[in-house]
Protein backbone atom coordinates (compact mmCIF):
# COMPACT_ATOMS: atom_id res chain seq x y z
CA MET A 1 -14.76 9.20 -20.43
CA SER A 2 -13.08 7.24 -17.66
CA VAL A 3 -14.21 6.43 -14.17
CA ALA A 4 -11.77 5.81 -11.32
CA LYS A 5 -12.25 3.99 -8.06
CA ILE A 6 -10.31 4.27 -4.80
CA ILE A 7 -9.74 1.29 -2.51
CA GLU A 8 -7.86 0.99 0.76
CA ILE A 9 -5.23 -1.67 1.34
CA SER A 10 -2.69 -2.40 4.06
CA SER A 11 0.81 -3.69 3.43
CA GLU A 12 3.80 -4.48 5.60
CA SER A 13 7.53 -5.06 5.29
CA PRO A 14 10.34 -5.85 7.71
CA LYS A 15 12.64 -3.51 5.71
CA SER A 16 11.06 -0.03 5.47
CA PHE A 17 7.95 2.04 4.83
CA GLU A 18 9.05 2.45 1.22
CA ASP A 19 9.31 -1.30 0.76
CA ALA A 20 5.86 -1.75 2.31
CA VAL A 21 4.46 0.67 -0.30
CA VAL A 22 6.28 -1.09 -3.16
CA GLN A 23 5.08 -4.51 -1.99
CA GLY A 24 1.52 -3.29 -1.56
CA ILE A 25 1.35 -1.81 -5.06
CA ALA A 26 2.99 -4.91 -6.56
CA ARG A 27 0.41 -7.16 -4.92
CA ALA A 28 -2.53 -4.92 -5.83
CA SER A 29 -1.33 -4.89 -9.45
CA LYS A 30 -1.91 -8.63 -9.67
CA THR A 31 -5.68 -8.19 -9.43
CA LEU A 32 -6.28 -4.52 -10.22
CA HIS A 33 -5.64 -3.05 -13.65
CA GLY A 34 -5.07 0.59 -14.48
CA ILE A 35 -3.59 1.70 -11.15
CA LYS A 36 -2.84 5.41 -11.49
CA SER A 37 -1.76 6.52 -8.02
CA ALA A 38 -1.56 5.64 -4.34
CA TRP A 39 -1.71 7.84 -1.28
CA VAL A 40 -0.11 6.77 2.02
CA ALA A 41 -2.89 7.44 4.50
CA GLU A 42 -1.21 6.00 7.61
CA GLN A 43 2.14 4.62 8.72
CA HIS A 44 2.61 2.29 11.69
CA VAL A 45 5.40 0.22 13.16
CA VAL A 46 5.31 -2.98 15.14
CA VAL A 47 7.80 -2.97 18.02
CA GLU A 48 9.25 -6.17 19.48
CA ASP A 49 11.87 -6.20 22.24
CA GLY A 50 12.34 -2.44 21.93
CA LYS A 51 13.11 -2.58 18.19
CA VAL A 52 11.06 -1.94 15.06
CA ALA A 53 10.08 -5.36 13.73
CA MET A 54 7.63 -4.41 10.98
CA TYR A 55 6.67 -1.34 8.96
CA ARG A 56 3.01 -1.04 7.97
CA VAL A 57 1.28 1.35 5.61
CA ASP A 58 -2.37 1.96 4.80
CA LEU A 59 -2.70 2.96 1.15
CA LYS A 60 -5.51 4.51 -0.84
CA VAL A 61 -5.07 3.15 -4.34
CA THR A 62 -6.70 4.82 -7.35
CA PHE A 63 -7.37 2.82 -10.50
CA VAL A 64 -9.36 3.34 -13.69
CA MET A 65 -12.30 0.99 -14.04
CA ASP A 66 -12.59 -1.17 -17.18
């Protein structure tokens, strides 16, 4: 039997929403083992001088507990 846990993390990237997701999962993988999925709960942008300066995502990450 396995038990999974869901945590929420935020990640950002100056490139794109997709890159923010990739960076968030990469960072979470350094301390969490057994990541099985992630759900993008929210997407936000930071605007500076009328242009998008940063892409932010809030992720719900599911991992299997040891």
